[in-house]
């Protein structure tokens, strides 16, 4: 799935030849963050937002990657060029580096960048809608894009067996996010999205900035209000705006993709 050539600590190497030191705190303690974005023709209109989020995550968990914004952008572009491509997804991972005792951060962070082809989701997800399963959980350091996806990954089979696309996290009676997306509810012609203890996704930001004459509310959303939603959709880098028509055993609205969701799909999913 990944391109064969990857970047690791100032070198472009065959990905199969890259060896991660077992003393790296990303391995020992899960002390690592990442970001993930799409490049088409080596660019992205929201490139600066993704780079800012990467550095914000680094700062939040005290990782100094010793790179400038421009250097990170160039690494991402060069990953595609080294693989003779101009289009692809880029994943950049920064870990806390090696540690003799497996706990204290002692050396400079490690930096890995990999690419993969852009793969579109099945069109039926957009024409017929998707399903979510609720899960009582809140990510550690929710505003940071850490590499810890264990809660969702260990339930991957259950998600697939239920015919769902992802888990919808909630805690303390409040809706948060899915494991890989933000969520929006449409109630009486207005959109509502959680504002606390979430990753503020770049596609979420694009939706909030899209002016189609719809009023936005960024606020706490009680879990029990989901049944009152007329429409629901999720947003992410890979999914764009993707409609949700069922959560657990509850049908959302008419059970079909709603008109407001379609309008957001038309405006946001073009890239």
C-alpha atoms as a PDB file:
ATOM      1  CA  UNK A   1       0.000   0.000   0.000  1.00  0.00           C
ATOM      2  CA  UNK A   2       2.809   2.442   0.843  1.00  0.00           C
ATOM      3  CA  UNK A   3       5.200   3.681  -1.828  1.00  0.00           C
ATOM      4  CA  UNK A   4       8.539   1.774  -1.809  1.00  0.00           C
ATOM      5  CA  UNK A   5      10.779   4.779  -1.033  1.00  0.00           C
ATOM      6  CA  UNK A   6      10.466   6.566   2.321  1.00  0.00           C
ATOM      7  CA  UNK A   7      12.255   9.306   4.240  1.00  0.00           C
ATOM      8  CA  UNK A   8      13.864   8.474   7.584  1.00  0.00           C
ATOM      9  CA  UNK A   9      16.156  10.795   9.526  1.00  0.00           C
ATOM     10  CA  UNK A  10      17.595  12.776   6.612  1.00  0.00           C
ATOM     11  CA  UNK A  11      17.757   9.878   4.139  1.00  0.00           C
ATOM     12  CA  UNK A  12      15.542   8.492   1.404  1.00  0.00           C
ATOM     13  CA  UNK A  13      15.649   4.711   1.642  1.00  0.00           C
ATOM     14  CA  UNK A  14      13.859   1.600   0.482  1.00  0.00           C
ATOM     15  CA  UNK A  15      11.095   1.364   3.082  1.00  0.00           C
ATOM     16  CA  UNK A  16      11.877  -2.323   3.601  1.00  0.00           C
ATOM     17  CA  UNK A  17      15.411  -1.406   4.667  1.00  0.00           C
ATOM     18  CA  UNK A  18      14.394   1.111   7.324  1.00  0.00           C
ATOM     19  CA  UNK A  19      15.123  -0.122  10.836  1.00  0.00           C
ATOM     20  CA  UNK A  20      13.511   1.584  13.828  1.00  0.00           C
ATOM     21  CA  UNK A  21      15.727   1.413  16.901  1.00  0.00           C
ATOM     22  CA  UNK A  22      13.943  -0.725  19.532  1.00  0.00           C
ATOM     23  CA  UNK A  23      14.980   1.857  22.139  1.00  0.00           C
ATOM     24  CA  UNK A  24      12.992   4.563  20.347  1.00  0.00           C
ATOM     25  CA  UNK A  25      10.356   5.986  22.688  1.00  0.00           C
ATOM     26  CA  UNK A  26       7.799   5.685  19.920  1.00  0.00           C
ATOM     27  CA  UNK A  27       8.236   1.919  20.293  1.00  0.00           C
ATOM     28  CA  UNK A  28       8.863   1.815  24.040  1.00  0.00           C
ATOM     29  CA  UNK A  29       6.179   4.257  25.210  1.00  0.00           C
ATOM     30  CA  UNK A  30       4.072   5.246  22.212  1.00  0.00           C
ATOM     31  CA  UNK A  31       5.658   8.694  22.442  1.00  0.00           C
ATOM     32  CA  UNK A  32       4.979   9.848  18.883  1.00  0.00           C
ATOM     33  CA  UNK A  33       2.744  12.072  16.807  1.00  0.00           C
ATOM     34  CA  UNK A  34       1.913  12.224  13.117  1.00  0.00           C
ATOM     35  CA  UNK A  35       0.101  14.096  10.427  1.00  0.00           C
ATOM     36  CA  UNK A  36      -1.515  12.932   7.226  1.00  0.00           C
ATOM     37  CA  UNK A  37      -2.513  14.893   4.135  1.00  0.00           C
ATOM     38  CA  UNK A  38      -3.121  14.660   0.426  1.00  0.00           C
ATOM     39  CA  UNK A  39      -1.007  16.169  -2.334  1.00  0.00           C
ATOM     40  CA  UNK A  40      -2.274  16.497  -5.878  1.00  0.00           C
ATOM     41  CA  UNK A  41       0.251  17.730  -8.408  1.00  0.00           C
ATOM     42  CA  UNK A  42       2.599  18.151  -5.427  1.00  0.00           C
ATOM     43  CA  UNK A  43       0.358  20.700  -3.726  1.00  0.00           C
ATOM     44  CA  UNK A  44      -2.603  21.181  -1.422  1.00  0.00           C
ATOM     45  CA  UNK A  45      -4.579  24.429  -0.949  1.00  0.00           C
ATOM     46  CA  UNK A  46      -4.605  23.690   2.802  1.00  0.00           C
ATOM     47  CA  UNK A  47      -0.926  22.693   3.021  1.00  0.00           C
ATOM     48  CA  UNK A  48      -0.130  25.389   5.601  1.00  0.00           C
ATOM     49  CA  UNK A  49      -2.931  24.199   7.885  1.00  0.00           C
ATOM     50  CA  UNK A  50      -1.564  20.654   7.920  1.00  0.00           C
ATOM     51  CA  UNK A  51       1.998  21.829   8.541  1.00  0.00           C
ATOM     52  CA  UNK A  52       0.788  24.076  11.361  1.00  0.00           C
ATOM     53  CA  UNK A  53      -1.073  21.176  12.957  1.00  0.00           C
ATOM     54  CA  UNK A  54       2.038  18.998  12.720  1.00  0.00           C
ATOM     55  CA  UNK A  55       4.165  21.575  14.504  1.00  0.00           C
ATOM     56  CA  UNK A  56       1.417  22.306  17.042  1.00  0.00           C
ATOM     57  CA  UNK A  57       1.302  18.598  17.878  1.00  0.00           C
ATOM     58  CA  UNK A  58       5.096  18.501  18.194  1.00  0.00           C
ATOM     59  CA  UNK A  59       5.047  21.509  20.506  1.00  0.00           C
ATOM     60  CA  UNK A  60       2.223  20.111  22.649  1.00  0.00           C
ATOM     61  CA  UNK A  61       4.159  16.907  23.387  1.00  0.00           C
ATOM     62  CA  UNK A  62       7.597  18.597  23.548  1.00  0.00           C
ATOM     63  CA  UNK A  63       9.132  17.213  20.381  1.00  0.00           C
ATOM     64  CA  UNK A  64      11.646  19.441  18.622  1.00  0.00           C
ATOM     65  CA  UNK A  65      12.150  17.892  15.185  1.00  0.00           C
ATOM     66  CA  UNK A  66      14.849  20.442  14.278  1.00  0.00           C
ATOM     67  CA  UNK A  67      13.138  21.205  10.967  1.00  0.00           C
ATOM     68  CA  UNK A  68      11.527  24.344   9.594  1.00  0.00           C
ATOM     69  CA  UNK A  69       8.042  24.452   8.124  1.00  0.00           C
ATOM     70  CA  UNK A  70       9.549  24.748   4.661  1.00  0.00           C
ATOM     71  CA  UNK A  71      11.782  21.724   5.250  1.00  0.00           C
ATOM     72  CA  UNK A  72       8.823  19.583   6.307  1.00  0.00           C
ATOM     73  CA  UNK A  73       6.882  20.691   3.229  1.00  0.00           C
ATOM     74  CA  UNK A  74       9.833  19.857   1.003  1.00  0.00           C
ATOM     75  CA  UNK A  75      10.261  16.420   2.588  1.00  0.00           C
ATOM     76  CA  UNK A  76       6.606  15.654   1.848  1.00  0.00           C
ATOM     77  CA  UNK A  77       6.981  16.726  -1.774  1.00  0.00           C
ATOM     78  CA  UNK A  78      10.254  14.843  -2.180  1.00  0.00           C
ATOM     79  CA  UNK A  79       8.668  11.617  -0.919  1.00  0.00           C
ATOM     80  CA  UNK A  80       6.384  11.700  -3.949  1.00  0.00           C
ATOM     81  CA  UNK A  81       9.155  12.737  -6.322  1.00  0.00           C
ATOM     82  CA  UNK A  82      11.408   9.913  -5.101  1.00  0.00           C
ATOM     83  CA  UNK A  83       8.557   7.540  -5.978  1.00  0.00           C
ATOM     84  CA  UNK A  84       8.003   9.088  -9.415  1.00  0.00           C
ATOM     85  CA  UNK A  85       4.590  10.424  -8.471  1.00  0.00           C
ATOM     86  CA  UNK A  86       2.958  13.828  -8.184  1.00  0.00           C
ATOM     87  CA  UNK A  87      -0.163  12.651  -6.331  1.00  0.00           C
ATOM     88  CA  UNK A  88      -0.509  10.769  -3.084  1.00  0.00           C
ATOM     89  CA  UNK A  89      -1.178  10.730   0.630  1.00  0.00           C
ATOM     90  CA  UNK A  90       1.733  11.649   2.884  1.00  0.00           C
ATOM     91  CA  UNK A  91       2.136  10.424   6.457  1.00  0.00           C
ATOM     92  CA  UNK A  92       4.782  12.121   8.607  1.00  0.00           C
ATOM     93  CA  UNK A  93       5.611  10.589  11.997  1.00  0.00           C
ATOM     94  CA  UNK A  94       7.763  12.204  14.674  1.00  0.00           C
ATOM     95  CA  UNK A  95       8.809  10.086  17.653  1.00  0.00           C
ATOM     96  CA  UNK A  96      10.761  11.043  20.760  1.00  0.00           C
ATOM     97  CA  UNK A  97      13.916   9.221  19.676  1.00  0.00           C
ATOM     98  CA  UNK A  98      16.074   6.669  21.431  1.00  0.00           C
ATOM     99  CA  UNK A  99      16.315   6.348  25.203  1.00  0.00           C
ATOM    100  CA  UNK A 100      18.755   4.206  27.167  1.00  0.00           C
ATOM    101  CA  UNK A 101      16.242   3.571  29.946  1.00  0.00           C
ATOM    102  CA  UNK A 102      13.193   3.414  27.690  1.00  0.00           C
ATOM    103  CA  UNK A 103      11.513   6.352  29.419  1.00  0.00           C
ATOM    104  CA  UNK A 104      13.445   9.628  29.481  1.00  0.00           C
ATOM    105  CA  UNK A 105      13.773  11.626  26.276  1.00  0.00           C
ATOM    106  CA  UNK A 106      17.518  11.814  25.659  1.00  0.00           C
ATOM    107  CA  UNK A 107      18.170  12.283  21.954  1.00  0.00           C
ATOM    108  CA  UNK A 108      16.691  14.237  19.094  1.00  0.00           C
ATOM    109  CA  UNK A 109      13.363  12.987  17.717  1.00  0.00           C
ATOM    110  CA  UNK A 110      13.181  10.562  14.810  1.00  0.00           C
ATOM    111  CA  UNK A 111      11.322  11.638  11.676  1.00  0.00           C
ATOM    112  CA  UNK A 112       9.693   9.267   9.191  1.00  0.00           C
ATOM    113  CA  UNK A 113       7.730  10.256   6.069  1.00  0.00           C
ATOM    114  CA  UNK A 114       5.938   7.803   3.815  1.00  0.00           C
ATOM    115  CA  UNK A 115       3.589   8.112   0.856  1.00  0.00           C
ATOM    116  CA  UNK A 116       0.796   6.045  -0.588  1.00  0.00           C
ATOM    117  CA  UNK A 117      -1.478   6.257  -3.640  1.00  0.00           C
ATOM    118  CA  UNK A 118      -4.736   8.166  -3.365  1.00  0.00           C
ATOM    119  CA  UNK A 119      -7.538   5.642  -3.125  1.00  0.00           C
ATOM    120  CA  UNK A 120     -11.154   6.697  -3.346  1.00  0.00           C
ATOM    121  CA  UNK A 121     -13.815   5.288  -1.045  1.00  0.00           C
ATOM    122  CA  UNK A 122     -16.635   3.260  -2.563  1.00  0.00           C
ATOM    123  CA  UNK A 123     -19.103   5.705  -4.137  1.00  0.00           C
ATOM    124  CA  UNK A 124     -21.953   3.942  -2.317  1.00  0.00           C
ATOM    125  CA  UNK A 125     -20.756   5.474   0.960  1.00  0.00           C
ATOM    126  CA  UNK A 126     -21.608   8.883  -0.491  1.00  0.00           C
ATOM    127  CA  UNK A 127     -24.824   7.969  -2.302  1.00  0.00           C
ATOM    128  CA  UNK A 128     -26.341   5.712   0.379  1.00  0.00           C
ATOM    129  CA  UNK A 129     -24.539   6.789   3.542  1.00  0.00           C
ATOM    130  CA  UNK A 130     -22.576   4.983   6.230  1.00  0.00           C
ATOM    131  CA  UNK A 131     -22.953   3.653   9.767  1.00  0.00           C
ATOM    132  CA  UNK A 132     -21.155   4.394  13.047  1.00  0.00           C
ATOM    133  CA  UNK A 133     -20.902   2.416  16.283  1.00  0.00           C
ATOM    134  CA  UNK A 134     -20.812   4.380  19.542  1.00  0.00           C
ATOM    135  CA  UNK A 135     -17.973   3.767  21.977  1.00  0.00           C
ATOM    136  CA  UNK A 136     -17.444   5.283  25.428  1.00  0.00           C
ATOM    137  CA  UNK A 137     -13.909   6.612  25.037  1.00  0.00           C
ATOM    138  CA  UNK A 138     -11.878   9.797  24.844  1.00  0.00           C
ATOM    139  CA  UNK A 139      -8.419   9.920  23.276  1.00  0.00           C
ATOM    140  CA  UNK A 140      -5.403  10.927  25.349  1.00  0.00           C
ATOM    141  CA  UNK A 141      -4.432  14.525  24.538  1.00  0.00           C
ATOM    142  CA  UNK A 142      -7.406  14.857  22.145  1.00  0.00           C
ATOM    143  CA  UNK A 143      -6.146  18.034  20.437  1.00  0.00           C
ATOM    144  CA  UNK A 144      -2.938  16.249  19.387  1.00  0.00           C
ATOM    145  CA  UNK A 145      -2.670  13.770  16.513  1.00  0.00           C
ATOM    146  CA  UNK A 146      -0.867  11.003  18.408  1.00  0.00           C
ATOM    147  CA  UNK A 147      -0.185   7.591  16.880  1.00  0.00           C
ATOM    148  CA  UNK A 148      -2.230   5.824  19.576  1.00  0.00           C
ATOM    149  CA  UNK A 149      -5.220   4.321  17.750  1.00  0.00           C
ATOM    150  CA  UNK A 150      -5.280   1.106  19.779  1.00  0.00           C
ATOM    151  CA  UNK A 151      -8.860   1.494  21.029  1.00  0.00           C
ATOM    152  CA  UNK A 152     -10.241   1.591  17.488  1.00  0.00           C
ATOM    153  CA  UNK A 153      -7.714  -0.766  15.905  1.00  0.00           C
ATOM    154  CA  UNK A 154      -8.494  -3.588  18.322  1.00  0.00           C
ATOM    155  CA  UNK A 155     -12.178  -3.267  17.373  1.00  0.00           C
ATOM    156  CA  UNK A 156     -11.573  -3.217  13.618  1.00  0.00           C
ATOM    157  CA  UNK A 157     -13.168  -6.655  13.148  1.00  0.00           C
ATOM    158  CA  UNK A 158     -16.268  -5.665  15.131  1.00  0.00           C
ATOM    159  CA  UNK A 159     -16.636  -2.477  13.098  1.00  0.00           C
ATOM    160  CA  UNK A 160     -16.406  -4.450   9.856  1.00  0.00           C
ATOM    161  CA  UNK A 161     -18.828  -7.155  11.021  1.00  0.00           C
ATOM    162  CA  UNK A 162     -21.392  -4.482  11.947  1.00  0.00           C
ATOM    163  CA  UNK A 163     -21.121  -2.925   8.500  1.00  0.00           C
ATOM    164  CA  UNK A 164     -19.918   0.313  10.068  1.00  0.00           C
ATOM    165  CA  UNK A 165     -17.279   2.769   8.903  1.00  0.00           C
ATOM    166  CA  UNK A 166     -15.886   3.776  12.317  1.00  0.00           C
ATOM    167  CA  UNK A 167     -16.422   4.234  16.048  1.00  0.00           C
ATOM    168  CA  UNK A 168     -18.126   7.356  17.378  1.00  0.00           C
ATOM    169  CA  UNK A 169     -16.414   8.316  20.625  1.00  0.00           C
ATOM    170  CA  UNK A 170     -18.363   9.820  23.506  1.00  0.00           C
ATOM    171  CA  UNK A 171     -17.658  10.377  27.181  1.00  0.00           C
ATOM    172  CA  UNK A 172     -19.399  12.089  30.101  1.00  0.00           C
ATOM    173  CA  UNK A 173     -22.575  11.983  28.014  1.00  0.00           C
ATOM    174  CA  UNK A 174     -21.063  14.117  25.249  1.00  0.00           C
ATOM    175  CA  UNK A 175     -20.304  13.338  21.602  1.00  0.00           C
ATOM    176  CA  UNK A 176     -16.611  13.792  20.719  1.00  0.00           C
ATOM    177  CA  UNK A 177     -15.366  12.487  17.342  1.00  0.00           C
ATOM    178  CA  UNK A 178     -14.823   9.244  15.494  1.00  0.00           C
ATOM    179  CA  UNK A 179     -11.463   7.496  15.614  1.00  0.00           C
ATOM    180  CA  UNK A 180     -10.414   9.115  12.327  1.00  0.00           C
ATOM    181  CA  UNK A 181     -12.948  11.865  11.647  1.00  0.00           C
ATOM    182  CA  UNK A 182     -14.872  14.785  13.063  1.00  0.00           C
ATOM    183  CA  UNK A 183     -18.653  14.683  13.196  1.00  0.00           C
ATOM    184  CA  UNK A 184     -21.415  17.151  12.320  1.00  0.00           C
ATOM    185  CA  UNK A 185     -25.126  16.959  13.147  1.00  0.00           C
ATOM    186  CA  UNK A 186     -27.744  18.900  11.215  1.00  0.00           C
ATOM    187  CA  UNK A 187     -30.790  19.853  13.264  1.00  0.00           C
ATOM    188  CA  UNK A 188     -33.563  22.070  11.923  1.00  0.00           C
ATOM    189  CA  UNK A 189     -31.352  23.373   9.130  1.00  0.00           C
ATOM    190  CA  UNK A 190     -28.321  24.264  11.256  1.00  0.00           C
ATOM    191  CA  UNK A 191     -25.034  22.379  11.807  1.00  0.00           C
ATOM    192  CA  UNK A 192     -23.635  21.364  15.174  1.00  0.00           C
ATOM    193  CA  UNK A 193     -20.155  19.985  15.844  1.00  0.00           C
ATOM    194  CA  UNK A 194     -18.322  19.220  19.112  1.00  0.00           C
ATOM    195  CA  UNK A 195     -15.804  21.841  20.215  1.00  0.00           C
ATOM    196  CA  UNK A 196     -13.983  20.287  23.204  1.00  0.00           C
ATOM    197  CA  UNK A 197     -11.683  17.283  23.619  1.00  0.00           C
ATOM    198  CA  UNK A 198     -11.403  16.627  19.897  1.00  0.00           C
ATOM    199  CA  UNK A 199      -8.827  16.890  17.154  1.00  0.00           C
ATOM    200  CA  UNK A 200      -9.718  19.992  15.180  1.00  0.00           C
ATOM    201  CA  UNK A 201      -9.488  18.454  11.723  1.00  0.00           C
ATOM    202  CA  UNK A 202      -8.535  20.428   8.645  1.00  0.00           C
ATOM    203  CA  UNK A 203     -11.582  19.208   6.702  1.00  0.00           C
ATOM    204  CA  UNK A 204     -13.719  20.154   9.719  1.00  0.00           C
ATOM    205  CA  UNK A 205     -12.226  23.645   9.439  1.00  0.00           C
ATOM    206  CA  UNK A 206     -13.084  23.771   5.737  1.00  0.00           C
ATOM    207  CA  UNK A 207     -16.710  22.899   6.484  1.00  0.00           C
ATOM    208  CA  UNK A 208     -16.929  25.599   9.160  1.00  0.00           C
ATOM    209  CA  UNK A 209     -15.512  28.100   6.668  1.00  0.00           C
ATOM    210  CA  UNK A 210     -17.882  27.068   3.859  1.00  0.00           C
ATOM    211  CA  UNK A 211     -20.639  29.613   3.375  1.00  0.00           C
ATOM    212  CA  UNK A 212     -23.746  27.963   1.998  1.00  0.00           C
ATOM    213  CA  UNK A 213     -26.132  30.004   4.110  1.00  0.00           C
ATOM    214  CA  UNK A 214     -26.152  27.506   6.981  1.00  0.00           C
ATOM    215  CA  UNK A 215     -25.582  28.589  10.587  1.00  0.00           C
ATOM    216  CA  UNK A 216     -22.799  26.706  12.425  1.00  0.00           C
ATOM    217  CA  UNK A 217     -22.641  25.857  16.118  1.00  0.00           C
ATOM    218  CA  UNK A 218     -19.390  24.604  17.637  1.00  0.00           C
ATOM    219  CA  UNK A 219     -20.365  23.428  21.106  1.00  0.00           C
ATOM    220  CA  UNK A 220     -20.945  20.510  23.481  1.00  0.00           C
ATOM    221  CA  UNK A 221     -23.379  17.972  21.999  1.00  0.00           C
ATOM    222  CA  UNK A 222     -25.161  15.520  24.339  1.00  0.00           C
ATOM    223  CA  UNK A 223     -25.097  11.953  23.079  1.00  0.00           C
ATOM    224  CA  UNK A 224     -28.858  11.594  23.471  1.00  0.00           C
ATOM    225  CA  UNK A 225     -29.460  14.415  20.979  1.00  0.00           C
ATOM    226  CA  UNK A 226     -28.272  12.248  18.084  1.00  0.00           C
ATOM    227  CA  UNK A 227     -31.761  10.805  17.693  1.00  0.00           C
ATOM    228  CA  UNK A 228     -33.044  14.308  16.967  1.00  0.00           C
ATOM    229  CA  UNK A 229     -30.616  14.929  14.113  1.00  0.00           C
ATOM    230  CA  UNK A 230     -32.065  15.269  10.626  1.00  0.00           C
ATOM    231  CA  UNK A 231     -28.688  14.534   9.029  1.00  0.00           C
ATOM    232  CA  UNK A 232     -25.215  13.512  10.176  1.00  0.00           C
ATOM    233  CA  UNK A 233     -21.891  13.551   8.367  1.00  0.00           C
ATOM    234  CA  UNK A 234     -18.243  12.980   9.200  1.00  0.00           C
ATOM    235  CA  UNK A 235     -15.191  14.770   7.830  1.00  0.00           C
ATOM    236  CA  UNK A 236     -11.568  13.770   7.294  1.00  0.00           C
ATOM    237  CA  UNK A 237      -8.663  14.103   4.873  1.00  0.00           C
ATOM    238  CA  UNK A 238      -9.429  10.814   3.120  1.00  0.00           C
ATOM    239  CA  UNK A 239     -13.231  10.894   3.381  1.00  0.00           C
ATOM    240  CA  UNK A 240     -13.927  14.557   2.726  1.00  0.00           C
ATOM    241  CA  UNK A 241     -17.561  14.974   3.764  1.00  0.00           C
ATOM    242  CA  UNK A 242     -19.133  11.514   4.164  1.00  0.00           C
ATOM    243  CA  UNK A 243     -22.814  11.061   5.096  1.00  0.00           C
ATOM    244  CA  UNK A 244     -23.922   8.915   8.054  1.00  0.00           C
ATOM    245  CA  UNK A 245     -27.423   7.431   7.997  1.00  0.00           C
ATOM    246  CA  UNK A 246     -27.246   5.084  10.997  1.00  0.00           C
ATOM    247  CA  UNK A 247     -25.637   5.168  14.447  1.00  0.00           C
ATOM    248  CA  UNK A 248     -25.838   1.862  16.306  1.00  0.00           C
ATOM    249  CA  UNK A 249     -29.429   0.751  15.671  1.00  0.00           C
ATOM    250  CA  UNK A 250     -30.772   4.296  15.255  1.00  0.00           C
ATOM    251  CA  UNK A 251     -31.719   5.566  11.816  1.00  0.00           C
ATOM    252  CA  UNK A 252     -30.722   9.191  11.179  1.00  0.00           C
ATOM    253  CA  UNK A 253     -33.565  11.291   9.791  1.00  0.00           C
ATOM    254  CA  UNK A 254     -35.098   9.598   6.764  1.00  0.00           C
ATOM    255  CA  UNK A 255     -32.283   7.074   6.590  1.00  0.00           C
ATOM    256  CA  UNK A 256     -31.065   8.681   3.373  1.00  0.00           C
ATOM    257  CA  UNK A 257     -28.370  11.198   2.514  1.00  0.00           C
ATOM    258  CA  UNK A 258     -29.842  14.605   3.253  1.00  0.00           C
ATOM    259  CA  UNK A 259     -29.835  17.760   1.097  1.00  0.00           C
ATOM    260  CA  UNK A 260     -27.597  19.858   3.356  1.00  0.00           C
ATOM    261  CA  UNK A 261     -25.005  17.099   3.553  1.00  0.00           C
ATOM    262  CA  UNK A 262     -25.045  16.904  -0.235  1.00  0.00           C
ATOM    263  CA  UNK A 263     -24.376  20.629  -0.471  1.00  0.00           C
ATOM    264  CA  UNK A 264     -21.348  20.317   1.786  1.00  0.00           C
ATOM    265  CA  UNK A 265     -20.153  17.345  -0.242  1.00  0.00           C
ATOM    266  CA  UNK A 266     -20.384  19.415  -3.423  1.00  0.00           C
ATOM    267  CA  UNK A 267     -18.341  22.251  -1.912  1.00  0.00           C
ATOM    268  CA  UNK A 268     -15.706  20.348   0.075  1.00  0.00           C
ATOM    269  CA  UNK A 269     -15.105  17.095  -1.794  1.00  0.00           C
ATOM    270  CA  UNK A 270     -13.874  18.646  -5.040  1.00  0.00           C
ATOM    271  CA  UNK A 271     -10.181  18.451  -4.033  1.00  0.00           C
END
